[in-house]
C-alpha atoms as a PDB file:
ATOM      1  CA  MET A   1     -38.735 196.161  -9.858  1.00  0.00           C
ATOM      2  CA  SER A   2     -39.735 198.626  -7.177  1.00  0.00           C
ATOM      3  CA  SER A   3     -38.354 198.290  -3.660  1.00  0.00           C
ATOM      4  CA  ARG A   4     -41.197 200.278  -2.086  1.00  0.00           C
ATOM      5  CA  ASN A   5     -42.954 198.650   0.859  1.00  0.00           C
ATOM      6  CA  VAL A   6     -46.658 198.975   1.567  1.00  0.00           C
ATOM      7  CA  THR A   7     -47.224 200.303   5.076  1.00  0.00           C
ATOM      8  CA  ARG A   8     -50.169 200.154   7.476  1.00  0.00           C
ATOM      9  CA  ALA A   9     -51.003 203.710   6.478  1.00  0.00           C
ATOM     10  CA  ASP A  10     -51.037 202.706   2.792  1.00  0.00           C
ATOM     11  CA  LEU A  11     -53.399 199.818   3.544  1.00  0.00           C
ATOM     12  CA  ALA A  12     -55.676 202.070   5.600  1.00  0.00           C
ATOM     13  CA  GLN A  13     -55.771 204.670   2.824  1.00  0.00           C
ATOM     14  CA  ALA A  14     -56.637 202.020   0.219  1.00  0.00           C
ATOM     15  CA  VAL A  15     -59.490 200.764   2.437  1.00  0.00           C
ATOM     16  CA  ALA A  16     -60.722 204.313   3.025  1.00  0.00           C
ATOM     17  CA  GLN A  17     -60.831 205.013  -0.708  1.00  0.00           C
ATOM     18  CA  ALA A  18     -62.402 201.663  -1.657  1.00  0.00           C
ATOM     19  CA  VAL A  19     -65.109 201.636   1.015  1.00  0.00           C
ATOM     20  CA  GLY A  20     -65.598 205.344   1.553  1.00  0.00           C
ATOM     21  CA  LEU A  21     -64.680 205.313   5.239  1.00  0.00           C
ATOM     22  CA  PRO A  22     -63.098 208.316   6.913  1.00  0.00           C
ATOM     23  CA  ARG A  23     -59.314 207.914   7.061  1.00  0.00           C
ATOM     24  CA  ASN A  24     -59.210 207.571  10.873  1.00  0.00           C
ATOM     25  CA  ASP A  25     -61.868 204.835  10.815  1.00  0.00           C
ATOM     26  CA  ALA A  26     -59.933 202.985   8.116  1.00  0.00           C
ATOM     27  CA  ILE A  27     -56.743 203.202  10.204  1.00  0.00           C
ATOM     28  CA  ASP A  28     -58.627 201.809  13.225  1.00  0.00           C
ATOM     29  CA  LEU A  29     -60.043 198.999  11.093  1.00  0.00           C
ATOM     30  CA  ALA A  30     -56.627 198.041   9.699  1.00  0.00           C
ATOM     31  CA  GLU A  31     -55.111 198.100  13.198  1.00  0.00           C
ATOM     32  CA  GLN A  32     -57.919 195.903  14.555  1.00  0.00           C
ATOM     33  CA  VAL A  33     -57.454 193.321  11.782  1.00  0.00           C
ATOM     34  CA  LEU A  34     -53.685 193.172  12.364  1.00  0.00           C
ATOM     35  CA  LYS A  35     -54.195 192.948  16.146  1.00  0.00           C
ATOM     36  CA  GLU A  36     -56.606 190.028  15.719  1.00  0.00           C
ATOM     37  CA  ILE A  37     -54.087 188.213  13.510  1.00  0.00           C
ATOM     38  CA  CYS A  38     -51.310 188.752  16.089  1.00  0.00           C
ATOM     39  CA  ASP A  39     -53.572 187.578  18.936  1.00  0.00           C
ATOM     40  CA  THR A  40     -54.369 184.445  16.941  1.00  0.00           C
ATOM     41  CA  PHE A  41     -50.647 183.722  16.566  1.00  0.00           C
ATOM     42  CA  GLU A  42     -50.133 184.193  20.319  1.00  0.00           C
ATOM     43  CA  ARG A  43     -52.737 181.479  20.942  1.00  0.00           C
ATOM     44  CA  GLY A  44     -50.751 179.195  18.608  1.00  0.00           C
ATOM     45  CA  GLU A  45     -53.492 179.129  15.968  1.00  0.00           C
ATOM     46  CA  ASN A  46     -53.074 179.458  12.211  1.00  0.00           C
ATOM     47  CA  VAL A  47     -54.598 182.148   9.993  1.00  0.00           C
ATOM     48  CA  LYS A  48     -55.995 181.239   6.585  1.00  0.00           C
ATOM     49  CA  LEU A  49     -57.085 183.984   4.199  1.00  0.00           C
ATOM     50  CA  SER A  50     -58.923 182.391   1.292  1.00  0.00           C
ATOM     51  CA  GLY A  51     -57.416 183.355  -2.048  1.00  0.00           C
ATOM     52  CA  PHE A  52     -54.355 184.857  -0.346  1.00  0.00           C
ATOM     53  CA  GLY A  53     -52.589 182.206   1.723  1.00  0.00           C
ATOM     54  CA  GLN A  54     -52.071 180.604   5.091  1.00  0.00           C
ATOM     55  CA  PHE A  55     -49.945 181.764   8.015  1.00  0.00           C
ATOM     56  CA  THR A  56     -48.852 178.812  10.146  1.00  0.00           C
ATOM     57  CA  VAL A  57     -47.350 178.918  13.651  1.00  0.00           C
ATOM     58  CA  ARG A  58     -44.575 176.329  14.055  1.00  0.00           C
ATOM     59  CA  SER A  59     -42.630 175.404  17.161  1.00  0.00           C
ATOM     60  CA  LYS A  60     -38.901 174.970  16.756  1.00  0.00           C
ATOM     61  CA  SER A  61     -36.943 172.999  19.318  1.00  0.00           C
ATOM     62  CA  GLN A  62     -33.624 173.983  20.831  1.00  0.00           C
ATOM     63  CA  ARG A  63     -30.593 173.336  18.649  1.00  0.00           C
ATOM     64  CA  MET A  64     -26.929 174.147  18.489  1.00  0.00           C
ATOM     65  CA  GLY A  65     -25.829 177.010  16.285  1.00  0.00           C
ATOM     66  CA  ARG A  66     -22.444 178.509  15.521  1.00  0.00           C
ATOM     67  CA  ASN A  67     -21.292 182.101  15.855  1.00  0.00           C
ATOM     68  CA  PRO A  68     -20.018 182.795  12.324  1.00  0.00           C
ATOM     69  CA  LYS A  69     -17.451 185.300  13.545  1.00  0.00           C
ATOM     70  CA  THR A  70     -15.805 183.181  16.263  1.00  0.00           C
ATOM     71  CA  GLY A  71     -16.874 179.658  15.327  1.00  0.00           C
ATOM     72  CA  ILE A  72     -18.030 178.996  18.902  1.00  0.00           C
ATOM     73  CA  GLU A  73     -21.098 176.792  19.248  1.00  0.00           C
ATOM     74  CA  VAL A  74     -24.033 178.414  21.049  1.00  0.00           C
ATOM     75  CA  PRO A  75     -27.460 177.010  21.901  1.00  0.00           C
ATOM     76  CA  ILE A  76     -30.426 178.495  20.034  1.00  0.00           C
ATOM     77  CA  GLU A  77     -33.436 178.618  22.334  1.00  0.00           C
ATOM     78  CA  PRO A  78     -36.727 176.958  21.440  1.00  0.00           C
ATOM     79  CA  ARG A  79     -39.166 179.383  19.831  1.00  0.00           C
ATOM     80  CA  ARG A  80     -42.257 179.705  17.709  1.00  0.00           C
ATOM     81  CA  VAL A  81     -42.086 181.066  14.180  1.00  0.00           C
ATOM     82  CA  VAL A  82     -44.704 182.109  11.651  1.00  0.00           C
ATOM     83  CA  THR A  83     -44.447 180.786   8.116  1.00  0.00           C
ATOM     84  CA  PHE A  84     -46.483 181.872   5.103  1.00  0.00           C
ATOM     85  CA  THR A  85     -47.710 179.643   2.292  1.00  0.00           C
ATOM     86  CA  PRO A  86     -49.260 181.599  -0.584  1.00  0.00           C
ATOM     87  CA  SER A  87     -52.435 180.327  -2.221  1.00  0.00           C
ATOM     88  CA  ARG A  88     -52.450 179.108  -5.794  1.00  0.00           C
ATOM     89  CA  LYS A  89     -54.468 182.217  -6.761  1.00  0.00           C
ATOM     90  CA  LEU A  90     -51.841 184.532  -5.245  1.00  0.00           C
ATOM     91  CA  LYS A  91     -49.007 182.681  -6.982  1.00  0.00           C
ATOM     92  CA  GLU A  92     -50.801 182.974 -10.311  1.00  0.00           C
ATOM     93  CA  HIS A  93     -51.450 186.678  -9.736  1.00  0.00           C
ATOM     94  CA  VAL A  94     -47.815 187.393  -8.857  1.00  0.00           C
ATOM     95  CA  ASN A  95     -46.497 185.434 -11.824  1.00  0.00           C
ATOM     96  CA  ARG A  96     -48.722 187.037 -14.452  1.00  0.00           C
ATOM     97  CA  THR A  97     -46.765 188.903 -17.094  1.00  0.00           C
ATOM     98  CA  SER A  98     -47.442 192.536 -17.862  1.00  0.00           C
ATOM     99  CA  GLU A  99     -49.187 191.391 -21.067  1.00  0.00           C
ATOM    100  CA  ASP A 100     -51.749 189.433 -18.992  1.00  0.00           C
ATOM    101  CA  ARG A 101     -52.690 192.441 -16.863  1.00  0.00           C
END
């Protein structure tokens, strides 16, 4: 299994090749999409991409944690986290064997 990560530049290049946009326009488009997703999270809203999955913003309350090195209990501040639930289509795509492809 490859440990290579897909970067913003990789996504922009794939869009540029698929749609025929100039590379700089594709980079701007990818940045705008990611910015809109981040702005949506800031407002506390969820993002659902049909056929891909759903990103959900959850609020976590304050709780007590433990420093693993010292064993001292420390409070963990309340925060919001983003969770991802893949769609059934994405799960099926990921779990296809090489023979199915």
